N, C-alpha and C. Protein backbone atom coordinates (compact mmCIF):
# COMPACT_ATOMS: atom_id res chain seq x y z
N MET A 1 125.50 154.26 90.06
CA MET A 1 126.14 152.97 89.92
C MET A 1 125.93 152.13 91.18
N MET A 2 126.04 152.79 92.33
CA MET A 2 125.85 152.08 93.60
C MET A 2 124.42 151.56 93.71
N THR A 3 123.45 152.34 93.27
CA THR A 3 122.05 151.93 93.33
C THR A 3 121.80 150.71 92.45
N LEU A 4 122.37 150.71 91.27
CA LEU A 4 122.22 149.58 90.37
C LEU A 4 122.87 148.33 90.95
N SER A 5 124.04 148.47 91.52
CA SER A 5 124.74 147.34 92.13
C SER A 5 123.95 146.78 93.30
N LEU A 6 123.43 147.67 94.13
CA LEU A 6 122.66 147.24 95.28
C LEU A 6 121.38 146.53 94.85
N THR A 7 120.73 147.00 93.81
CA THR A 7 119.52 146.37 93.29
C THR A 7 119.82 144.96 92.80
N VAL A 8 120.90 144.79 92.08
CA VAL A 8 121.28 143.47 91.57
C VAL A 8 121.64 142.54 92.71
N ILE A 9 122.39 143.03 93.69
CA ILE A 9 122.79 142.19 94.82
C ILE A 9 121.57 141.76 95.62
N LEU A 10 120.66 142.67 95.89
CA LEU A 10 119.45 142.31 96.64
C LEU A 10 118.56 141.36 95.85
N GLY A 11 118.48 141.54 94.54
CA GLY A 11 117.71 140.62 93.71
C GLY A 11 118.29 139.22 93.74
N MET A 12 119.60 139.11 93.66
CA MET A 12 120.25 137.80 93.71
C MET A 12 120.09 137.16 95.09
N LEU A 13 120.17 137.98 96.14
CA LEU A 13 119.95 137.48 97.49
C LEU A 13 118.52 136.94 97.64
N GLY A 14 117.56 137.68 97.09
CA GLY A 14 116.17 137.22 97.12
C GLY A 14 115.98 135.91 96.38
N LEU A 15 116.62 135.79 95.22
CA LEU A 15 116.54 134.55 94.46
C LEU A 15 117.17 133.39 95.23
N ALA A 16 118.29 133.66 95.90
CA ALA A 16 118.94 132.62 96.71
C ALA A 16 118.04 132.16 97.85
N VAL A 17 117.33 133.10 98.48
CA VAL A 17 116.41 132.73 99.56
C VAL A 17 115.27 131.88 99.01
N ASP A 18 114.71 132.27 97.88
CA ASP A 18 113.61 131.50 97.27
C ASP A 18 114.05 130.10 96.89
N VAL A 19 115.22 129.98 96.26
CA VAL A 19 115.70 128.66 95.86
C VAL A 19 116.03 127.82 97.08
N GLY A 20 116.58 128.41 98.11
CA GLY A 20 116.84 127.69 99.36
C GLY A 20 115.57 127.17 100.00
N TRP A 21 114.54 128.01 100.02
CA TRP A 21 113.25 127.59 100.59
C TRP A 21 112.64 126.47 99.74
N ALA A 22 112.74 126.58 98.43
CA ALA A 22 112.21 125.54 97.56
C ALA A 22 112.96 124.22 97.77
N TYR A 23 114.26 124.29 97.97
CA TYR A 23 115.05 123.08 98.23
C TYR A 23 114.62 122.45 99.55
N TYR A 24 114.42 123.26 100.57
CA TYR A 24 113.94 122.76 101.86
C TYR A 24 112.58 122.08 101.71
N ARG A 25 111.66 122.71 100.98
CA ARG A 25 110.33 122.14 100.77
C ARG A 25 110.39 120.87 99.94
N GLN A 26 111.34 120.80 98.98
CA GLN A 26 111.50 119.60 98.18
C GLN A 26 111.95 118.43 99.05
N GLN A 27 112.86 118.70 99.99
CA GLN A 27 113.30 117.65 100.91
C GLN A 27 112.15 117.18 101.80
N ALA A 28 111.32 118.12 102.24
CA ALA A 28 110.15 117.76 103.04
C ALA A 28 109.17 116.93 102.21
N ALA A 29 108.98 117.32 100.95
CA ALA A 29 108.10 116.56 100.05
C ALA A 29 108.64 115.15 99.82
N GLN A 30 109.96 115.01 99.71
CA GLN A 30 110.56 113.70 99.51
C GLN A 30 110.33 112.81 100.73
N GLY A 31 110.47 113.38 101.92
CA GLY A 31 110.20 112.61 103.13
C GLY A 31 108.75 112.16 103.21
N ALA A 32 107.84 113.04 102.85
CA ALA A 32 106.42 112.70 102.86
C ALA A 32 106.12 111.62 101.83
N ALA A 33 106.69 111.73 100.63
CA ALA A 33 106.47 110.73 99.58
C ALA A 33 107.03 109.38 99.99
N ASP A 34 108.23 109.37 100.55
CA ASP A 34 108.84 108.11 101.02
C ASP A 34 107.97 107.44 102.07
N ALA A 35 107.55 108.21 103.07
CA ALA A 35 106.73 107.66 104.16
C ALA A 35 105.40 107.14 103.63
N ALA A 36 104.77 107.88 102.73
CA ALA A 36 103.47 107.49 102.20
C ALA A 36 103.58 106.22 101.34
N ALA A 37 104.61 106.12 100.51
CA ALA A 37 104.77 104.94 99.65
C ALA A 37 105.01 103.69 100.50
N VAL A 38 105.87 103.80 101.48
CA VAL A 38 106.15 102.64 102.35
C VAL A 38 104.91 102.29 103.17
N ALA A 39 104.16 103.28 103.64
CA ALA A 39 102.94 103.02 104.41
C ALA A 39 101.91 102.27 103.57
N ALA A 40 101.78 102.67 102.31
CA ALA A 40 100.82 101.99 101.43
C ALA A 40 101.20 100.53 101.23
N VAL A 41 102.47 100.29 101.04
CA VAL A 41 102.92 98.92 100.75
C VAL A 41 102.93 98.05 102.00
N THR A 42 103.34 98.59 103.13
CA THR A 42 103.40 97.76 104.34
C THR A 42 102.02 97.39 104.84
N SER A 43 101.00 98.14 104.49
CA SER A 43 99.65 97.77 104.91
C SER A 43 99.07 96.70 103.99
N ALA A 44 99.67 96.48 102.84
CA ALA A 44 99.10 95.58 101.85
C ALA A 44 99.41 94.09 102.03
N PRO A 45 100.63 93.67 102.36
CA PRO A 45 100.92 92.24 102.33
C PRO A 45 100.05 91.37 103.20
N SER A 46 99.47 91.90 104.27
CA SER A 46 98.62 91.05 105.09
C SER A 46 97.21 90.93 104.53
N GLY A 47 96.88 91.73 103.53
CA GLY A 47 95.54 91.73 102.96
C GLY A 47 95.49 90.96 101.66
N PRO A 48 94.33 90.93 101.03
CA PRO A 48 94.17 90.23 99.76
C PRO A 48 94.75 91.05 98.60
N ALA A 49 94.74 90.46 97.43
CA ALA A 49 95.26 91.16 96.26
C ALA A 49 94.32 92.29 95.85
N CYS A 50 94.65 92.96 94.78
CA CYS A 50 93.90 94.15 94.36
C CYS A 50 92.45 93.83 93.99
N ALA A 51 92.11 92.58 93.84
CA ALA A 51 90.74 92.21 93.51
C ALA A 51 89.80 92.58 94.66
N ASN A 52 90.34 92.71 95.86
CA ASN A 52 89.53 93.06 97.02
C ASN A 52 90.01 94.40 97.57
N PRO A 53 89.42 95.52 97.13
CA PRO A 53 89.91 96.84 97.56
C PRO A 53 89.58 97.19 99.01
N ALA A 54 88.99 96.26 99.74
CA ALA A 54 88.68 96.56 101.13
C ALA A 54 89.96 96.79 101.93
N ALA A 55 91.03 96.07 101.62
CA ALA A 55 92.29 96.24 102.36
C ALA A 55 93.41 96.78 101.48
N VAL A 56 93.39 96.41 100.20
CA VAL A 56 94.46 96.81 99.30
C VAL A 56 93.86 97.57 98.14
N TRP A 57 94.35 98.75 97.90
CA TRP A 57 93.84 99.60 96.82
C TRP A 57 94.78 99.53 95.64
N CYS A 58 94.22 99.36 94.43
CA CYS A 58 94.99 99.42 93.20
C CYS A 58 94.30 100.41 92.28
N GLY A 59 95.09 101.17 91.56
CA GLY A 59 94.47 102.09 90.63
C GLY A 59 95.47 103.05 90.02
N ALA A 60 94.99 103.79 89.03
CA ALA A 60 95.79 104.82 88.37
C ALA A 60 96.05 105.95 89.37
N ALA A 61 96.94 106.86 89.00
CA ALA A 61 97.27 107.97 89.88
C ALA A 61 96.01 108.73 90.29
N THR A 62 95.75 108.78 91.57
CA THR A 62 94.57 109.42 92.13
C THR A 62 95.00 110.38 93.23
N ASN A 63 94.47 111.60 93.20
CA ASN A 63 94.82 112.57 94.23
C ASN A 63 94.21 112.19 95.57
N CYS A 64 94.97 112.41 96.62
CA CYS A 64 94.46 112.21 97.97
C CYS A 64 93.42 113.29 98.26
N PRO A 65 92.47 113.00 99.15
CA PRO A 65 91.48 114.02 99.48
C PRO A 65 92.12 115.17 100.26
N ALA A 66 91.47 116.31 100.28
CA ALA A 66 91.99 117.49 100.99
C ALA A 66 92.11 117.23 102.49
N THR A 67 91.19 116.44 103.02
CA THR A 67 91.24 116.06 104.44
C THR A 67 91.58 114.57 104.51
N ALA A 68 92.64 114.24 105.21
CA ALA A 68 93.07 112.84 105.31
C ALA A 68 92.02 112.03 106.06
N PRO A 69 91.86 110.75 105.69
CA PRO A 69 90.90 109.91 106.39
C PRO A 69 91.25 109.79 107.88
N GLY A 70 90.24 109.65 108.72
CA GLY A 70 90.48 109.52 110.15
C GLY A 70 91.17 108.23 110.53
N SER A 71 90.78 107.15 109.87
CA SER A 71 91.44 105.86 110.09
C SER A 71 91.57 105.18 108.74
N PRO A 72 92.67 104.46 108.53
CA PRO A 72 92.89 103.86 107.22
C PRO A 72 92.00 102.65 106.98
N SER A 73 91.34 102.61 105.82
CA SER A 73 90.55 101.44 105.48
C SER A 73 91.25 100.62 104.40
N ASN A 74 92.23 101.22 103.72
CA ASN A 74 93.00 100.49 102.71
C ASN A 74 94.36 101.16 102.53
N SER A 75 95.16 100.64 101.61
CA SER A 75 96.52 101.15 101.42
C SER A 75 96.53 102.59 100.90
N PHE A 76 95.52 102.98 100.10
CA PHE A 76 95.42 104.35 99.62
C PHE A 76 95.24 105.31 100.79
N ASP A 77 94.34 104.97 101.71
CA ASP A 77 94.12 105.79 102.90
C ASP A 77 95.38 105.89 103.73
N ASN A 78 96.10 104.77 103.87
CA ASN A 78 97.36 104.78 104.63
C ASN A 78 98.34 105.77 104.04
N ALA A 79 98.49 105.74 102.71
CA ALA A 79 99.43 106.64 102.04
C ALA A 79 99.01 108.09 102.25
N CYS A 80 97.73 108.38 102.08
CA CYS A 80 97.24 109.75 102.24
C CYS A 80 97.40 110.25 103.67
N MET A 81 97.17 109.36 104.64
CA MET A 81 97.33 109.75 106.05
C MET A 81 98.78 110.09 106.37
N LEU A 82 99.73 109.30 105.85
CA LEU A 82 101.14 109.57 106.13
C LEU A 82 101.62 110.83 105.44
N ALA A 83 101.15 111.08 104.22
CA ALA A 83 101.52 112.32 103.54
C ALA A 83 100.97 113.52 104.32
N SER A 84 99.74 113.40 104.81
CA SER A 84 99.13 114.47 105.60
C SER A 84 99.88 114.67 106.91
N ALA A 85 100.28 113.58 107.55
CA ALA A 85 101.03 113.69 108.80
C ALA A 85 102.37 114.39 108.59
N ASN A 86 102.89 114.34 107.37
CA ASN A 86 104.14 115.01 107.04
C ASN A 86 103.90 116.40 106.43
N GLY A 87 102.66 116.88 106.48
CA GLY A 87 102.37 118.25 106.08
C GLY A 87 101.93 118.45 104.65
N PHE A 88 101.58 117.39 103.92
CA PHE A 88 101.18 117.53 102.52
C PHE A 88 99.82 116.90 102.28
N THR A 89 98.87 117.71 101.84
CA THR A 89 97.55 117.23 101.43
C THR A 89 97.24 117.87 100.08
N THR A 90 96.26 117.32 99.39
CA THR A 90 95.87 117.90 98.11
C THR A 90 94.93 119.07 98.39
N SER A 91 95.53 120.23 98.58
CA SER A 91 94.76 121.45 98.79
C SER A 91 95.70 122.63 98.62
N GLY A 92 95.14 123.74 98.18
CA GLY A 92 95.96 124.94 98.02
C GLY A 92 97.07 124.74 97.01
N ILE A 93 98.30 124.83 97.47
CA ILE A 93 99.45 124.73 96.58
C ILE A 93 100.04 123.33 96.51
N ASP A 94 99.52 122.39 97.31
CA ASP A 94 100.06 121.03 97.35
C ASP A 94 99.19 120.05 96.56
N THR A 95 99.84 119.05 95.99
CA THR A 95 99.14 117.95 95.34
C THR A 95 99.83 116.65 95.75
N VAL A 96 99.04 115.69 96.25
CA VAL A 96 99.56 114.37 96.61
C VAL A 96 98.76 113.35 95.82
N SER A 97 99.45 112.52 95.03
CA SER A 97 98.74 111.47 94.29
C SER A 97 99.37 110.12 94.57
N VAL A 98 98.53 109.10 94.53
CA VAL A 98 98.96 107.73 94.81
C VAL A 98 98.54 106.86 93.63
N GLN A 99 99.45 106.01 93.19
CA GLN A 99 99.18 105.02 92.15
C GLN A 99 99.67 103.69 92.70
N ALA A 100 98.91 102.62 92.54
CA ALA A 100 99.31 101.33 93.09
C ALA A 100 98.83 100.20 92.21
N GLY A 101 99.49 99.06 92.31
CA GLY A 101 99.07 97.90 91.54
C GLY A 101 99.95 96.69 91.77
N THR A 102 99.70 95.67 90.97
CA THR A 102 100.45 94.42 91.05
C THR A 102 101.14 94.07 89.74
N SER A 103 101.04 94.95 88.74
CA SER A 103 101.63 94.64 87.43
C SER A 103 103.16 94.66 87.51
N SER A 104 103.76 94.02 86.56
CA SER A 104 105.22 94.00 86.50
C SER A 104 105.63 94.39 85.09
N PRO A 105 106.65 95.19 84.90
CA PRO A 105 107.53 95.75 85.92
C PRO A 105 106.87 96.92 86.65
N VAL A 106 107.48 97.25 87.75
CA VAL A 106 106.99 98.37 88.56
C VAL A 106 107.23 99.67 87.78
N PRO A 107 106.21 100.53 87.66
CA PRO A 107 106.44 101.79 86.94
C PRO A 107 107.43 102.67 87.69
N THR A 108 108.09 103.53 87.00
CA THR A 108 109.11 104.47 87.49
C THR A 108 110.41 103.78 87.89
N VAL A 109 110.44 102.45 87.86
CA VAL A 109 111.64 101.71 88.26
C VAL A 109 111.87 100.61 87.23
N SER A 110 113.09 100.47 86.76
CA SER A 110 113.36 99.38 85.84
C SER A 110 114.03 98.25 86.61
N GLY A 111 113.55 97.07 86.37
CA GLY A 111 114.20 95.91 86.96
C GLY A 111 113.39 95.14 87.98
N PRO A 112 113.20 95.65 89.19
CA PRO A 112 112.64 94.80 90.24
C PRO A 112 111.17 94.44 90.00
N ALA A 113 110.84 93.23 90.41
CA ALA A 113 109.44 92.80 90.38
C ALA A 113 108.92 92.90 91.81
N ALA A 114 107.67 93.23 91.95
CA ALA A 114 107.07 93.35 93.28
C ALA A 114 105.67 92.76 93.24
N ALA A 115 105.30 92.16 94.34
CA ALA A 115 103.96 91.61 94.46
C ALA A 115 102.93 92.73 94.51
N TYR A 116 103.31 93.82 95.12
CA TYR A 116 102.43 94.99 95.22
C TYR A 116 103.34 96.21 95.28
N TRP A 117 102.99 97.25 94.57
CA TRP A 117 103.82 98.46 94.56
C TRP A 117 102.93 99.69 94.68
N ALA A 118 103.53 100.76 95.14
CA ALA A 118 102.84 102.05 95.24
C ALA A 118 103.81 103.15 94.83
N VAL A 119 103.30 104.10 94.04
CA VAL A 119 104.06 105.28 93.64
C VAL A 119 103.32 106.49 94.21
N VAL A 120 104.04 107.30 94.96
CA VAL A 120 103.46 108.51 95.55
C VAL A 120 104.19 109.71 94.98
N ARG A 121 103.41 110.66 94.48
CA ARG A 121 103.97 111.90 93.93
C ARG A 121 103.48 113.06 94.80
N VAL A 122 104.40 113.88 95.24
CA VAL A 122 104.08 115.06 96.04
C VAL A 122 104.63 116.27 95.30
N ASN A 123 103.77 117.23 94.99
CA ASN A 123 104.18 118.45 94.30
C ASN A 123 103.68 119.66 95.06
N GLU A 124 104.43 120.74 94.95
CA GLU A 124 104.05 121.98 95.61
C GLU A 124 104.37 123.14 94.68
N ALA A 125 103.47 124.08 94.55
CA ALA A 125 103.69 125.26 93.71
C ALA A 125 103.95 126.46 94.62
N LEU A 126 105.22 126.82 94.74
CA LEU A 126 105.61 127.93 95.62
C LEU A 126 105.71 129.23 94.84
N PRO A 127 105.15 130.30 95.36
CA PRO A 127 105.34 131.59 94.69
C PRO A 127 106.76 132.09 94.95
N ALA A 128 107.31 132.81 94.01
CA ALA A 128 108.61 133.44 94.23
C ALA A 128 108.37 134.67 95.08
N LEU A 129 108.92 134.69 96.27
CA LEU A 129 108.66 135.79 97.19
C LEU A 129 109.66 136.94 97.01
N PHE A 130 110.92 136.64 97.21
CA PHE A 130 111.94 137.69 97.17
C PHE A 130 112.56 137.86 95.79
N GLY A 131 112.68 136.77 95.04
CA GLY A 131 113.31 136.85 93.73
C GLY A 131 112.30 136.81 92.61
N ALA A 132 111.14 137.43 92.81
CA ALA A 132 110.05 137.38 91.82
C ALA A 132 110.48 137.91 90.46
N ALA A 133 111.39 138.84 90.43
CA ALA A 133 111.84 139.38 89.14
C ALA A 133 112.64 138.36 88.35
N PHE A 134 113.27 137.41 89.05
CA PHE A 134 114.12 136.43 88.39
C PHE A 134 113.41 135.10 88.16
N ALA A 135 112.50 134.72 89.04
CA ALA A 135 111.79 133.43 88.92
C ALA A 135 110.31 133.71 88.74
N ARG A 136 109.95 134.17 87.59
CA ARG A 136 108.55 134.49 87.32
C ARG A 136 107.70 133.22 87.42
N GLY A 137 106.59 133.31 88.12
CA GLY A 137 105.71 132.16 88.26
C GLY A 137 106.03 131.29 89.45
N GLY A 138 107.18 131.43 90.03
CA GLY A 138 107.51 130.67 91.23
C GLY A 138 108.31 129.42 90.94
N LEU A 139 108.46 128.61 91.97
CA LEU A 139 109.22 127.36 91.91
C LEU A 139 108.28 126.21 92.24
N SER A 140 108.55 125.04 91.68
CA SER A 140 107.69 123.87 91.89
C SER A 140 108.50 122.67 92.37
N PRO A 141 108.79 122.60 93.67
CA PRO A 141 109.48 121.42 94.16
C PRO A 141 108.55 120.21 94.13
N GLY A 142 109.10 119.06 93.80
CA GLY A 142 108.29 117.85 93.75
C GLY A 142 109.12 116.64 94.10
N ALA A 143 108.45 115.55 94.43
CA ALA A 143 109.13 114.32 94.80
C ALA A 143 108.30 113.13 94.38
N ILE A 144 108.99 112.04 94.05
CA ILE A 144 108.35 110.78 93.70
C ILE A 144 109.01 109.68 94.53
N ALA A 145 108.20 108.82 95.10
CA ALA A 145 108.73 107.65 95.82
C ALA A 145 107.99 106.42 95.34
N THR A 146 108.73 105.36 95.09
CA THR A 146 108.14 104.09 94.67
C THR A 146 108.56 103.03 95.68
N ALA A 147 107.59 102.35 96.26
CA ALA A 147 107.88 101.27 97.21
C ALA A 147 107.18 100.01 96.72
N GLY A 148 107.73 98.86 97.08
CA GLY A 148 107.12 97.61 96.68
C GLY A 148 107.25 96.54 97.74
N ALA A 149 106.27 95.66 97.79
CA ALA A 149 106.32 94.50 98.68
C ALA A 149 106.94 93.38 97.87
N ILE A 150 108.05 92.86 98.36
CA ILE A 150 108.76 91.83 97.60
C ILE A 150 108.93 90.58 98.45
N GLY A 151 109.10 89.47 97.77
CA GLY A 151 109.44 88.22 98.42
C GLY A 151 110.90 87.94 98.16
N SER A 152 111.33 86.72 98.38
CA SER A 152 112.73 86.42 98.13
C SER A 152 112.94 86.04 96.68
N GLY A 153 113.03 87.05 95.84
CA GLY A 153 113.28 86.83 94.43
C GLY A 153 112.12 86.20 93.68
N VAL A 154 110.93 86.19 94.26
CA VAL A 154 109.77 85.58 93.62
C VAL A 154 109.17 86.57 92.64
N PRO A 155 108.84 86.14 91.41
CA PRO A 155 108.17 87.06 90.50
C PRO A 155 106.78 87.42 91.03
N VAL A 156 106.15 88.37 90.39
CA VAL A 156 104.86 88.87 90.86
C VAL A 156 103.83 87.74 90.90
N PRO A 157 103.33 87.36 92.07
CA PRO A 157 102.32 86.30 92.16
C PRO A 157 100.91 86.85 91.96
N ALA A 158 99.96 85.97 91.80
CA ALA A 158 98.57 86.38 91.62
C ALA A 158 98.03 86.97 92.91
N SER A 159 98.49 86.49 94.03
CA SER A 159 98.02 87.00 95.31
C SER A 159 99.22 87.43 96.14
N ILE A 160 99.10 88.54 96.81
CA ILE A 160 100.22 88.99 97.62
C ILE A 160 100.16 88.44 99.03
N SER A 161 99.15 87.65 99.36
CA SER A 161 99.03 87.14 100.72
C SER A 161 100.13 86.15 101.06
N SER A 162 100.79 85.54 100.04
CA SER A 162 101.84 84.56 100.31
C SER A 162 103.21 85.21 100.44
N ILE A 163 103.30 86.50 100.23
CA ILE A 163 104.58 87.20 100.30
C ILE A 163 104.81 87.72 101.72
N PRO A 164 106.01 87.54 102.25
CA PRO A 164 106.28 88.08 103.59
C PRO A 164 106.11 89.60 103.61
N ALA A 165 105.72 90.10 104.75
CA ALA A 165 105.50 91.54 104.87
C ALA A 165 106.85 92.26 104.88
N ARG A 166 107.29 92.66 103.71
CA ARG A 166 108.57 93.35 103.60
C ARG A 166 108.44 94.41 102.52
N ALA A 167 108.71 95.63 102.86
CA ALA A 167 108.60 96.73 101.90
C ALA A 167 109.98 97.28 101.61
N VAL A 168 110.20 97.62 100.37
CA VAL A 168 111.47 98.19 99.95
C VAL A 168 111.18 99.48 99.20
N LEU A 169 111.90 100.53 99.54
CA LEU A 169 111.79 101.78 98.81
C LEU A 169 112.73 101.67 97.62
N PHE A 170 112.15 101.65 96.40
CA PHE A 170 112.94 101.39 95.22
C PHE A 170 113.72 102.59 94.72
N TRP A 171 113.08 103.75 94.65
CA TRP A 171 113.68 104.85 93.91
C TRP A 171 113.20 106.16 94.45
N ARG A 172 114.07 107.15 94.50
CA ARG A 172 113.71 108.47 95.01
C ARG A 172 114.17 109.56 94.05
N PRO A 173 113.56 109.72 92.89
CA PRO A 173 113.94 110.86 92.05
C PRO A 173 113.36 112.16 92.62
N THR A 174 114.06 113.22 92.43
CA THR A 174 113.57 114.50 92.93
C THR A 174 113.57 115.52 91.81
N THR A 175 112.70 116.49 91.94
CA THR A 175 112.64 117.54 90.93
C THR A 175 112.50 118.90 91.60
N LEU A 176 113.08 119.88 90.99
CA LEU A 176 112.89 121.26 91.39
C LEU A 176 112.81 122.06 90.10
N ARG A 177 111.59 122.51 89.76
CA ARG A 177 111.38 123.20 88.50
C ARG A 177 111.05 124.66 88.73
N CYS A 178 111.54 125.48 87.84
CA CYS A 178 111.14 126.89 87.83
C CYS A 178 109.99 127.02 86.85
N SER A 179 108.89 127.58 87.30
CA SER A 179 107.71 127.72 86.44
C SER A 179 107.82 128.96 85.59
């Protein structure tokens, strides 16, 4: 009876350690996503609209490269560099993707209009180390951050060059999934 009790207690302790580690990693992923989304948007208002990708990048969700760019050439590079500086790159167990544009409404957020917006998703697939018997397949902490460049209540203009350089972090949903 003592052996069975000890096995259950140690298994639950292992699961608690795994879930605690996943929560810590989720918070780190949220910080990286927040920083990357704001970095993408703050680099954009001084540049041209999405028609000129030399300074401002627009596009569907695209994974960041495994190695962050050495210097940013556009808002996508800025986002990837900040995610990398916070410890997340698209390699191994991590995935960082950036989506950006000028359409309205801003995806993932209902309500606000933005001249330029960026959505950054950071996901990590963690193996269950101590509680493997209880969390088969591991845990998948993830984070989404949406930031936008806004003016003073101005709807989305054709060009973002007339909007003051101001970025707002719209929404921070978080996820922690058991695989």
